[in-house]
PDB file of N, CA and C in Angstrom:
ATOM      1  N   MET A   1      32.597 -36.159  19.038  1.00  0.00           N
ATOM      2  CA  MET A   1      32.902 -34.738  18.995  1.00  0.00           C
ATOM      3  C   MET A   1      33.244 -34.246  20.394  1.00  0.00           C
ATOM      4  N   ASN A   2      34.137 -33.296  20.439  1.00  0.00           N
ATOM      5  CA  ASN A   2      34.453 -32.749  21.747  1.00  0.00           C
ATOM      6  C   ASN A   2      33.470 -31.621  22.074  1.00  0.00           C
ATOM      7  N   LYS A   3      33.386 -31.269  23.326  1.00  0.00           N
ATOM      8  CA  LYS A   3      32.390 -30.302  23.798  1.00  0.00           C
ATOM      9  C   LYS A   3      32.531 -28.915  23.159  1.00  0.00           C
ATOM     10  N   PRO A   4      33.739 -28.336  23.033  1.00  0.00           N
ATOM     11  CA  PRO A   4      33.826 -27.005  22.421  1.00  0.00           C
ATOM     12  C   PRO A   4      33.313 -26.983  20.974  1.00  0.00           C
ATOM     13  N   LEU A   5      33.604 -28.030  20.213  1.00  0.00           N
ATOM     14  CA  LEU A   5      33.142 -28.081  18.830  1.00  0.00           C
ATOM     15  C   LEU A   5      31.621 -28.232  18.781  1.00  0.00           C
ATOM     16  N   LEU A   6      31.071 -29.039  19.654  1.00  0.00           N
ATOM     17  CA  LEU A   6      29.618 -29.207  19.718  1.00  0.00           C
ATOM     18  C   LEU A   6      28.939 -27.895  20.107  1.00  0.00           C
ATOM     19  N   LEU A   7      29.528 -27.166  21.049  1.00  0.00           N
ATOM     20  CA  LEU A   7      28.990 -25.870  21.452  1.00  0.00           C
ATOM     21  C   LEU A   7      29.051 -24.871  20.295  1.00  0.00           C
ATOM     22  N   LEU A   8      30.143 -24.868  19.541  1.00  0.00           N
ATOM     23  CA  LEU A   8      30.288 -23.980  18.394  1.00  0.00           C
ATOM     24  C   LEU A   8      29.233 -24.293  17.322  1.00  0.00           C
ATOM     25  N   VAL A   9      28.991 -25.558  17.068  1.00  0.00           N
ATOM     26  CA  VAL A   9      27.977 -25.955  16.088  1.00  0.00           C
ATOM     27  C   VAL A   9      26.588 -25.512  16.559  1.00  0.00           C
ATOM     28  N   ALA A  10      26.287 -25.708  17.841  1.00  0.00           N
ATOM     29  CA  ALA A  10      24.984 -25.328  18.385  1.00  0.00           C
ATOM     30  C   ALA A  10      24.782 -23.813  18.301  1.00  0.00           C
ATOM     31  N   LEU A  11      25.791 -23.027  18.638  1.00  0.00           N
ATOM     32  CA  LEU A  11      25.680 -21.568  18.559  1.00  0.00           C
ATOM     33  C   LEU A  11      25.521 -21.102  17.115  1.00  0.00           C
ATOM     34  N   THR A  12      26.252 -21.712  16.209  1.00  0.00           N
ATOM     35  CA  THR A  12      26.117 -21.359  14.796  1.00  0.00           C
ATOM     36  C   THR A  12      24.709 -21.658  14.306  1.00  0.00           C
ATOM     37  N   PHE A  13      24.178 -22.794  14.697  1.00  0.00           N
ATOM     38  CA  PHE A  13      22.818 -23.182  14.313  1.00  0.00           C
ATOM     39  C   PHE A  13      21.798 -22.180  14.862  1.00  0.00           C
ATOM     40  N   CYS A  14      21.965 -21.780  16.115  1.00  0.00           N
ATOM     41  CA  CYS A  14      21.047 -20.803  16.724  1.00  0.00           C
ATOM     42  C   CYS A  14      21.127 -19.452  16.012  1.00  0.00           C
ATOM     43  N   CYS A  15      22.315 -19.021  15.655  1.00  0.00           N
ATOM     44  CA  CYS A  15      22.469 -17.744  14.954  1.00  0.00           C
ATOM     45  C   CYS A  15      21.822 -17.795  13.569  1.00  0.00           C
ATOM     46  N   CYS A  16      21.951 -18.914  12.885  1.00  0.00           N
ATOM     47  CA  CYS A  16      21.345 -19.051  11.554  1.00  0.00           C
ATOM     48  C   CYS A  16      19.826 -18.992  11.650  1.00  0.00           C
ATOM     49  N   ILE A  17      19.261 -19.655  12.623  1.00  0.00           N
ATOM     50  CA  ILE A  17      17.807 -19.648  12.796  1.00  0.00           C
ATOM     51  C   ILE A  17      17.327 -18.249  13.161  1.00  0.00           C
ATOM     52  N   ALA A  18      18.034 -17.568  14.036  1.00  0.00           N
ATOM     53  CA  ALA A  18      17.645 -16.219  14.455  1.00  0.00           C
ATOM     54  C   ALA A  18      17.711 -15.244  13.287  1.00  0.00           C
ATOM     55  N   SER A  19      18.680 -15.414  12.399  1.00  0.00           N
ATOM     56  CA  SER A  19      18.807 -14.491  11.269  1.00  0.00           C
ATOM     57  C   SER A  19      17.708 -14.701  10.235  1.00  0.00           C
ATOM     58  N   LEU A  20      17.090 -15.863  10.186  1.00  0.00           N
ATOM     59  CA  LEU A  20      16.007 -16.102   9.235  1.00  0.00           C
ATOM     60  C   LEU A  20      14.808 -15.210   9.500  1.00  0.00           C
ATOM     61  N   HIS A  21      14.582 -14.827  10.750  1.00  0.00           N
ATOM     62  CA  HIS A  21      13.459 -13.973  11.092  1.00  0.00           C
ATOM     63  C   HIS A  21      13.661 -12.546  10.587  1.00  0.00           C
ATOM     64  N   GLY A  22      14.896 -12.176  10.271  1.00  0.00           N
ATOM     65  CA  GLY A  22      15.182 -10.843   9.770  1.00  0.00           C
ATOM     66  C   GLY A  22      14.775 -10.641   8.321  1.00  0.00           C
ATOM     67  N   PHE A  23      14.574 -11.728   7.594  1.00  0.00           N
ATOM     68  CA  PHE A  23      14.166 -11.638   6.205  1.00  0.00           C
ATOM     69  C   PHE A  23      12.664 -11.780   6.126  1.00  0.00           C
ATOM     70  N   ALA A  24      11.990 -10.663   5.922  1.00  0.00           N
ATOM     71  CA  ALA A  24      10.529 -10.688   5.842  1.00  0.00           C
ATOM     72  C   ALA A  24      10.103 -11.279   4.506  1.00  0.00           C
ATOM     73  N   ILE A  25       9.264 -12.273   4.566  1.00  0.00           N
ATOM     74  CA  ILE A  25       8.725 -12.887   3.365  1.00  0.00           C
ATOM     75  C   ILE A  25       7.451 -12.136   3.008  1.00  0.00           C
ATOM     76  N   ASN A  26       7.366 -11.695   1.787  1.00  0.00           N
ATOM     77  CA  ASN A  26       6.198 -10.942   1.342  1.00  0.00           C
ATOM     78  C   ASN A  26       5.011 -11.899   1.236  1.00  0.00           C
ATOM     79  N   THR A  27       4.087 -11.785   2.176  1.00  0.00           N
ATOM     80  CA  THR A  27       2.936 -12.667   2.170  1.00  0.00           C
ATOM     81  C   THR A  27       1.655 -11.881   1.928  1.00  0.00           C
ATOM     82  N   CYS A  28       1.741 -10.893   1.066  1.00  0.00           N
ATOM     83  CA  CYS A  28       0.539 -10.168   0.698  1.00  0.00           C
ATOM     84  C   CYS A  28      -0.413 -11.135   0.011  1.00  0.00           C
ATOM     85  N   ARG A  29      -1.686 -11.009   0.314  1.00  0.00           N
ATOM     86  CA  ARG A  29      -2.664 -11.902  -0.286  1.00  0.00           C
ATOM     87  C   ARG A  29      -3.134 -11.402  -1.638  1.00  0.00           C
ATOM     88  N   CYS A  30      -3.001 -10.115  -1.899  1.00  0.00           N
ATOM     89  CA  CYS A  30      -3.471  -9.522  -3.159  1.00  0.00           C
ATOM     90  C   CYS A  30      -2.302  -9.307  -4.110  1.00  0.00           C
ATOM     91  N   ARG A  31      -2.339  -9.966  -5.231  1.00  0.00           N
ATOM     92  CA  ARG A  31      -1.323  -9.756  -6.263  1.00  0.00           C
ATOM     93  C   ARG A  31      -1.731  -8.605  -7.180  1.00  0.00           C
ATOM     94  N   ARG A  32      -3.037  -8.451  -7.399  1.00  0.00           N
ATOM     95  CA  ARG A  32      -3.557  -7.352  -8.201  1.00  0.00           C
ATOM     96  C   ARG A  32      -4.918  -6.959  -7.639  1.00  0.00           C
ATOM     97  N   THR A  33      -5.396  -5.786  -8.028  1.00  0.00           N
ATOM     98  CA  THR A  33      -6.668  -5.300  -7.499  1.00  0.00           C
ATOM     99  C   THR A  33      -7.652  -5.060  -8.639  1.00  0.00           C
ATOM    100  N   ALA A  34      -8.938  -5.156  -8.297  1.00  0.00           N
ATOM    101  CA  ALA A  34     -10.001  -4.928  -9.276  1.00  0.00           C
ATOM    102  C   ALA A  34     -10.287  -3.438  -9.371  1.00  0.00           C
ATOM    103  N   ALA A  35     -10.562  -2.981 -10.581  1.00  0.00           N
ATOM    104  CA  ALA A  35     -10.840  -1.566 -10.794  1.00  0.00           C
ATOM    105  C   ALA A  35     -12.340  -1.277 -10.820  1.00  0.00           C
ATOM    106  N   ASN A  36     -13.140  -2.270 -11.193  1.00  0.00           N
ATOM    107  CA  ASN A  36     -14.579  -2.055 -11.346  1.00  0.00           C
ATOM    108  C   ASN A  36     -15.292  -2.101 -10.001  1.00  0.00           C
ATOM    109  N   PRO A  37     -16.290  -1.241  -9.828  1.00  0.00           N
ATOM    110  CA  PRO A  37     -17.071  -1.266  -8.586  1.00  0.00           C
ATOM    111  C   PRO A  37     -17.829  -2.577  -8.434  1.00  0.00           C
ATOM    112  N   ILE A  38     -18.046  -2.953  -7.195  1.00  0.00           N
ATOM    113  CA  ILE A  38     -18.797  -4.172  -6.888  1.00  0.00           C
ATOM    114  C   ILE A  38     -20.170  -3.758  -6.378  1.00  0.00           C
ATOM    115  N   PRO A  39     -21.239  -4.352  -6.908  1.00  0.00           N
ATOM    116  CA  PRO A  39     -22.582  -3.984  -6.447  1.00  0.00           C
ATOM    117  C   PRO A  39     -22.783  -4.368  -4.989  1.00  0.00           C
ATOM    118  N   PRO A  40     -23.391  -3.501  -4.193  1.00  0.00           N
ATOM    119  CA  PRO A  40     -23.589  -3.786  -2.765  1.00  0.00           C
ATOM    120  C   PRO A  40     -24.331  -5.098  -2.509  1.00  0.00           C
ATOM    121  N   ARG A  41     -25.268  -5.472  -3.372  1.00  0.00           N
ATOM    122  CA  ARG A  41     -26.044  -6.698  -3.154  1.00  0.00           C
ATOM    123  C   ARG A  41     -25.179  -7.951  -3.301  1.00  0.00           C
ATOM    124  N   ALA A  42     -24.021  -7.840  -3.958  1.00  0.00           N
ATOM    125  CA  ALA A  42     -23.150  -8.992  -4.158  1.00  0.00           C
ATOM    126  C   ALA A  42     -22.186  -9.214  -2.985  1.00  0.00           C
ATOM    127  N   VAL A  43     -22.043  -8.229  -2.106  1.00  0.00           N
ATOM    128  CA  VAL A  43     -21.048  -8.291  -1.027  1.00  0.00           C
ATOM    129  C   VAL A  43     -21.549  -9.147   0.136  1.00  0.00           C
ATOM    130  N   MET A  44     -20.732 -10.129   0.522  1.00  0.00           N
ATOM    131  CA  MET A  44     -21.020 -10.924   1.718  1.00  0.00           C
ATOM    132  C   MET A  44     -20.127 -10.509   2.886  1.00  0.00           C
ATOM    133  N   LYS A  45     -18.877 -10.186   2.582  1.00  0.00           N
ATOM    134  CA  LYS A  45     -17.909  -9.921   3.654  1.00  0.00           C
ATOM    135  C   LYS A  45     -16.821  -8.993   3.125  1.00  0.00           C
ATOM    136  N   ILE A  46     -16.350  -8.101   4.004  1.00  0.00           N
ATOM    137  CA  ILE A  46     -15.231  -7.219   3.676  1.00  0.00           C
ATOM    138  C   ILE A  46     -14.154  -7.420   4.727  1.00  0.00           C
ATOM    139  N   GLU A  47     -12.934  -7.684   4.263  1.00  0.00           N
ATOM    140  CA  GLU A  47     -11.792  -7.842   5.166  1.00  0.00           C
ATOM    141  C   GLU A  47     -10.792  -6.733   4.870  1.00  0.00           C
ATOM    142  N   VAL A  48     -10.350  -6.055   5.896  1.00  0.00           N
ATOM    143  CA  VAL A  48      -9.323  -5.024   5.749  1.00  0.00           C
ATOM    144  C   VAL A  48      -8.121  -5.458   6.577  1.00  0.00           C
ATOM    145  N   THR A  49      -6.986  -5.602   5.907  1.00  0.00           N
ATOM    146  CA  THR A  49      -5.750  -5.983   6.580  1.00  0.00           C
ATOM    147  C   THR A  49      -4.789  -4.810   6.488  1.00  0.00           C
ATOM    148  N   PRO A  50      -4.460  -4.191   7.624  1.00  0.00           N
ATOM    149  CA  PRO A  50      -3.544  -3.045   7.577  1.00  0.00           C
ATOM    150  C   PRO A  50      -2.125  -3.467   7.193  1.00  0.00           C
ATOM    151  N   ALA A  51      -1.340  -2.511   6.756  1.00  0.00           N
ATOM    152  CA  ALA A  51       0.061  -2.780   6.420  1.00  0.00           C
ATOM    153  C   ALA A  51       0.778  -3.314   7.659  1.00  0.00           C
ATOM    154  N   SER A  52       1.670  -4.276   7.420  1.00  0.00           N
ATOM    155  CA  SER A  52       2.407  -4.883   8.538  1.00  0.00           C
ATOM    156  C   SER A  52       3.776  -5.331   8.042  1.00  0.00           C
ATOM    157  N   GLY A  53       4.482  -6.030   8.871  1.00  0.00           N
ATOM    158  CA  GLY A  53       5.780  -6.568   8.490  1.00  0.00           C
ATOM    159  C   GLY A  53       5.673  -7.632   7.420  1.00  0.00           C
ATOM    160  N   HIS A  54       4.507  -8.252   7.311  1.00  0.00           N
ATOM    161  CA  HIS A  54       4.318  -9.294   6.306  1.00  0.00           C
ATOM    162  C   HIS A  54       3.923  -8.731   4.949  1.00  0.00           C
ATOM    163  N   CYS A  55       3.209  -7.622   4.960  1.00  0.00           N
ATOM    164  CA  CYS A  55       2.779  -6.992   3.708  1.00  0.00           C
ATOM    165  C   CYS A  55       2.849  -5.479   3.896  1.00  0.00           C
ATOM    166  N   PRO A  56       3.565  -4.775   3.035  1.00  0.00           N
ATOM    167  CA  PRO A  56       3.781  -3.341   3.234  1.00  0.00           C
ATOM    168  C   PRO A  56       2.593  -2.452   2.876  1.00  0.00           C
ATOM    169  N   ARG A  57       1.502  -3.029   2.393  1.00  0.00           N
ATOM    170  CA  ARG A  57       0.359  -2.203   1.995  1.00  0.00           C
ATOM    171  C   ARG A  57      -0.931  -2.691   2.649  1.00  0.00           C
ATOM    172  N   THR A  58      -1.886  -1.790   2.763  1.00  0.00           N
ATOM    173  CA  THR A  58      -3.211  -2.145   3.262  1.00  0.00           C
ATOM    174  C   THR A  58      -3.926  -2.940   2.179  1.00  0.00           C
ATOM    175  N   GLU A  59      -4.581  -4.025   2.599  1.00  0.00           N
ATOM    176  CA  GLU A  59      -5.307  -4.859   1.644  1.00  0.00           C
ATOM    177  C   GLU A  59      -6.782  -4.892   2.005  1.00  0.00           C
ATOM    178  N   ILE A  60      -7.630  -4.755   0.992  1.00  0.00           N
ATOM    179  CA  ILE A  60      -9.073  -4.866   1.173  1.00  0.00           C
ATOM    180  C   ILE A  60      -9.540  -6.020   0.297  1.00  0.00           C
ATOM    181  N   ILE A  61     -10.153  -7.016   0.929  1.00  0.00           N
ATOM    182  CA  ILE A  61     -10.634  -8.187   0.200  1.00  0.00           C
ATOM    183  C   ILE A  61     -12.136  -8.306   0.424  1.00  0.00           C
ATOM    184  N   ILE A  62     -12.881  -8.331  -0.671  1.00  0.00           N
ATOM    185  CA  ILE A  62     -14.333  -8.472  -0.611  1.00  0.00           C
ATOM    186  C   ILE A  62     -14.688  -9.883  -1.060  1.00  0.00           C
ATOM    187  N   THR A  63     -15.464 -10.577  -0.213  1.00  0.00           N
ATOM    188  CA  THR A  63     -16.001 -11.881  -0.590  1.00  0.00           C
ATOM    189  C   THR A  63     -17.410 -11.643  -1.117  1.00  0.00           C
ATOM    190  N   VAL A  64     -17.659 -12.109  -2.336  1.00  0.00           N
ATOM    191  CA  VAL A  64     -18.966 -11.917  -2.951  1.00  0.00           C
ATOM    192  C   VAL A  64     -19.812 -13.174  -2.753  1.00  0.00           C
ATOM    193  N   ARG A  65     -21.079 -13.089  -3.102  1.00  0.00           N
ATOM    194  CA  ARG A  65     -22.052 -14.154  -2.817  1.00  0.00           C
ATOM    195  C   ARG A  65     -21.672 -15.517  -3.394  1.00  0.00           C
ATOM    196  N   ASN A  66     -20.987 -15.556  -4.525  1.00  0.00           N
ATOM    197  CA  ASN A  66     -20.616 -16.853  -5.091  1.00  0.00           C
ATOM    198  C   ASN A  66     -19.345 -17.427  -4.457  1.00  0.00           C
ATOM    199  N   GLY A  67     -18.792 -16.729  -3.449  1.00  0.00           N
ATOM    200  CA  GLY A  67     -17.619 -17.225  -2.731  1.00  0.00           C
ATOM    201  C   GLY A  67     -16.295 -16.690  -3.240  1.00  0.00           C
ATOM    202  N   ASN A  68     -16.298 -16.029  -4.394  1.00  0.00           N
ATOM    203  CA  ASN A  68     -15.051 -15.459  -4.915  1.00  0.00           C
ATOM    204  C   ASN A  68     -14.567 -14.328  -4.022  1.00  0.00           C
ATOM    205  N   ARG A  69     -13.252 -14.193  -3.951  1.00  0.00           N
ATOM    206  CA  ARG A  69     -12.638 -13.118  -3.179  1.00  0.00           C
ATOM    207  C   ARG A  69     -11.984 -12.153  -4.151  1.00  0.00           C
ATOM    208  N   ILE A  70     -12.295 -10.867  -3.991  1.00  0.00           N
ATOM    209  CA  ILE A  70     -11.815  -9.837  -4.907  1.00  0.00           C
ATOM    210  C   ILE A  70     -11.019  -8.808  -4.110  1.00  0.00           C
ATOM    211  N   CYS A  71      -9.791  -8.555  -4.542  1.00  0.00           N
ATOM    212  CA  CYS A  71      -8.956  -7.540  -3.904  1.00  0.00           C
ATOM    213  C   CYS A  71      -9.292  -6.174  -4.480  1.00  0.00           C
ATOM    214  N   ILE A  72      -9.419  -5.205  -3.589  1.00  0.00           N
ATOM    215  CA  ILE A  72      -9.800  -3.856  -3.960  1.00  0.00           C
ATOM    216  C   ILE A  72      -8.656  -2.902  -3.630  1.00  0.00           C
ATOM    217  N   ASP A  73      -8.428  -1.948  -4.503  1.00  0.00           N
ATOM    218  CA  ASP A  73      -7.442  -0.902  -4.244  1.00  0.00           C
ATOM    219  C   ASP A  73      -7.968  -0.011  -3.121  1.00  0.00           C
ATOM    220  N   PRO A  74      -7.214   0.156  -2.033  1.00  0.00           N
ATOM    221  CA  PRO A  74      -7.680   1.007  -0.929  1.00  0.00           C
ATOM    222  C   PRO A  74      -7.949   2.450  -1.351  1.00  0.00           C
ATOM    223  N   GLU A  75      -7.358   2.889  -2.447  1.00  0.00           N
ATOM    224  CA  GLU A  75      -7.544   4.252  -2.941  1.00  0.00           C
ATOM    225  C   GLU A  75      -8.698   4.368  -3.938  1.00  0.00           C
ATOM    226  N   ALA A  76      -9.425   3.281  -4.191  1.00  0.00           N
ATOM    227  CA  ALA A  76     -10.517   3.309  -5.166  1.00  0.00           C
ATOM    228  C   ALA A  76     -11.562   4.341  -4.755  1.00  0.00           C
ATOM    229  N   LYS A  77     -11.947   5.182  -5.688  1.00  0.00           N
ATOM    230  CA  LYS A  77     -12.892   6.270  -5.404  1.00  0.00           C
ATOM    231  C   LYS A  77     -14.274   5.743  -5.028  1.00  0.00           C
ATOM    232  N   TRP A  78     -14.660   4.581  -5.524  1.00  0.00           N
ATOM    233  CA  TRP A  78     -16.002   4.046  -5.299  1.00  0.00           C
ATOM    234  C   TRP A  78     -16.128   3.284  -3.983  1.00  0.00           C
ATOM    235  N   PHE A  79     -15.015   2.919  -3.357  1.00  0.00           N
ATOM    236  CA  PHE A  79     -15.084   2.070  -2.158  1.00  0.00           C
ATOM    237  C   PHE A  79     -15.780   2.745  -0.966  1.00  0.00           C
ATOM    238  N   PRO A  80     -15.492   4.018  -0.637  1.00  0.00           N
ATOM    239  CA  PRO A  80     -16.219   4.645   0.482  1.00  0.00           C
ATOM    240  C   PRO A  80     -17.732   4.677   0.260  1.00  0.00           C
ATOM    241  N   GLY A  81     -18.149   4.876  -0.999  1.00  0.00           N
ATOM    242  CA  GLY A  81     -19.580   4.862  -1.306  1.00  0.00           C
ATOM    243  C   GLY A  81     -20.193   3.487  -1.064  1.00  0.00           C
ATOM    244  N   LEU A  82     -19.441   2.441  -1.400  1.00  0.00           N
ATOM    245  CA  LEU A  82     -19.917   1.079  -1.147  1.00  0.00           C
ATOM    246  C   LEU A  82     -20.092   0.847   0.350  1.00  0.00           C
ATOM    247  N   LEU A  83     -19.126   1.284   1.131  1.00  0.00           N
ATOM    248  CA  LEU A  83     -19.233   1.121   2.592  1.00  0.00           C
ATOM    249  C   LEU A  83     -20.441   1.870   3.145  1.00  0.00           C
ATOM    250  N   ASN A  84     -20.652   3.101   2.689  1.00  0.00           N
ATOM    251  CA  ASN A  84     -21.807   3.882   3.152  1.00  0.00           C
ATOM    252  C   ASN A  84     -23.118   3.190   2.803  1.00  0.00           C
ATOM    253  N   THR A  85     -23.219   2.686   1.587  1.00  0.00           N
ATOM    254  CA  THR A  85     -24.432   1.991   1.155  1.00  0.00           C
ATOM    255  C   THR A  85     -24.682   0.756   2.008  1.00  0.00           C
ATOM    256  N   LEU A  86     -23.620  -0.005   2.275  1.00  0.00           N
ATOM    257  CA  LEU A  86     -23.775  -1.222   3.083  1.00  0.00           C
ATOM    258  C   LEU A  86     -24.162  -0.890   4.517  1.00  0.00           C
ATOM    259  N   GLN A  87     -23.585   0.166   5.072  1.00  0.00           N
ATOM    260  CA  GLN A  87     -23.915   0.542   6.451  1.00  0.00           C
ATOM    261  C   GLN A  87     -25.344   1.028   6.571  1.00  0.00           C
ATOM    262  N   LYS A  88     -25.845   1.716   5.583  1.00  0.00           N
ATOM    263  CA  LYS A  88     -27.222   2.217   5.624  1.00  0.00           C
ATOM    264  C   LYS A  88     -28.226   1.097   5.407  1.00  0.00           C
ATOM    265  N   GLY A  89     -27.874   0.119   4.592  1.00  0.00           N
ATOM    266  CA  GLY A  89     -28.824  -0.916   4.221  1.00  0.00           C
ATOM    267  C   GLY A  89     -28.882  -2.107   5.143  1.00  0.00           C
ATOM    268  N   ARG A  90     -28.017  -2.172   6.137  1.00  0.00           N
ATOM    269  CA  ARG A  90     -27.990  -3.340   7.022  1.00  0.00           C
ATOM    270  C   ARG A  90     -28.131  -2.906   8.476  1.00  0.00           C
ATOM    271  N   ARG A  91     -28.670  -3.811   9.255  1.00  0.00           N
ATOM    272  CA  ARG A  91     -28.817  -3.527  10.687  1.00  0.00           C
ATOM    273  C   ARG A  91     -27.437  -3.502  11.347  1.00  0.00           C
ATOM    274  N   PRO A  92     -27.253  -2.675  12.384  1.00  0.00           N
ATOM    275  CA  PRO A  92     -25.947  -2.596  13.048  1.00  0.00           C
ATOM    276  C   PRO A  92     -25.460  -3.935  13.588  1.00  0.00           C
ATOM    277  N   SER A  93     -26.356  -4.812  14.012  1.00  0.00           N
ATOM    278  CA  SER A  93     -25.927  -6.084  14.574  1.00  0.00           C
ATOM    279  C   SER A  93     -25.269  -6.968  13.514  1.00  0.00           C
ATOM    280  N   SER A  94     -25.641  -6.786  12.242  1.00  0.00           N
ATOM    281  CA  SER A  94     -25.039  -7.600  11.194  1.00  0.00           C
ATOM    282  C   SER A  94     -23.712  -7.017  10.711  1.00  0.00           C
ATOM    283  N   MET A  95     -23.368  -5.804  11.108  1.00  0.00           N
ATOM    284  CA  MET A  95     -22.107  -5.194  10.680  1.00  0.00           C
ATOM    285  C   MET A  95     -20.915  -5.939  11.236  1.00  0.00           C
ATOM    286  N   ASP A  96     -21.069  -6.604  12.386  1.00  0.00           N
ATOM    287  CA  ASP A  96     -19.976  -7.349  12.963  1.00  0.00           C
ATOM    288  C   ASP A  96     -19.552  -8.485  12.046  1.00  0.00           C
ATOM    289  N   THR A  97     -20.492  -9.100  11.358  1.00  0.00           N
ATOM    290  CA  THR A  97     -20.145 -10.185  10.451  1.00  0.00           C
ATOM    291  C   THR A  97     -19.799  -9.662   9.068  1.00  0.00           C
ATOM    292  N   LEU A  98     -20.221  -8.441   8.741  1.00  0.00           N
ATOM    293  CA  LEU A  98     -19.942  -7.879   7.432  1.00  0.00           C
ATOM    294  C   LEU A  98     -18.472  -7.482   7.297  1.00  0.00           C
ATOM    295  N   CYS A  99     -17.930  -6.831   8.294  1.00  0.00           N
ATOM    296  CA  CYS A  99     -16.554  -6.334   8.218  1.00  0.00           C
ATOM    297  C   CYS A  99     -15.709  -6.974   9.305  1.00  0.00           C
ATOM    298  N   SER A 100     -14.555  -7.463   8.925  1.00  0.00           N
ATOM    299  CA  SER A 100     -13.621  -7.954   9.935  1.00  0.00           C
ATOM    300  C   SER A 100     -12.457  -6.977  10.006  1.00  0.00           C
ATOM    301  N   TRP A 101     -12.666  -5.897  10.707  1.00  0.00           N
ATOM    302  CA  TRP A 101     -11.664  -4.843  10.829  1.00  0.00           C
ATOM    303  C   TRP A 101     -10.702  -5.266  11.850  1.00  0.00           C
TER     304      TRP A 101
END
């Protein structure tokens, strides 16, 4: 191959790779959310992932004692009450492991 053709191929390849970053792949972890309240004694961990380029919505994932992960609707009316109950019932030093904000 001659140099101009090789340079053209290399530039085309670079442009194709750069354009792939423009297509955001939806990598939301929650496909659906649970409607029923979760008892505070069952909660081991709460993860809150804010909306980003990877997922357009805020996601709340609760890990329960048996290891299952449950997605919660951020607008659920019972969720703030669950947080209040957990904050009152646990020592502040354990809150760092309870929530990964």
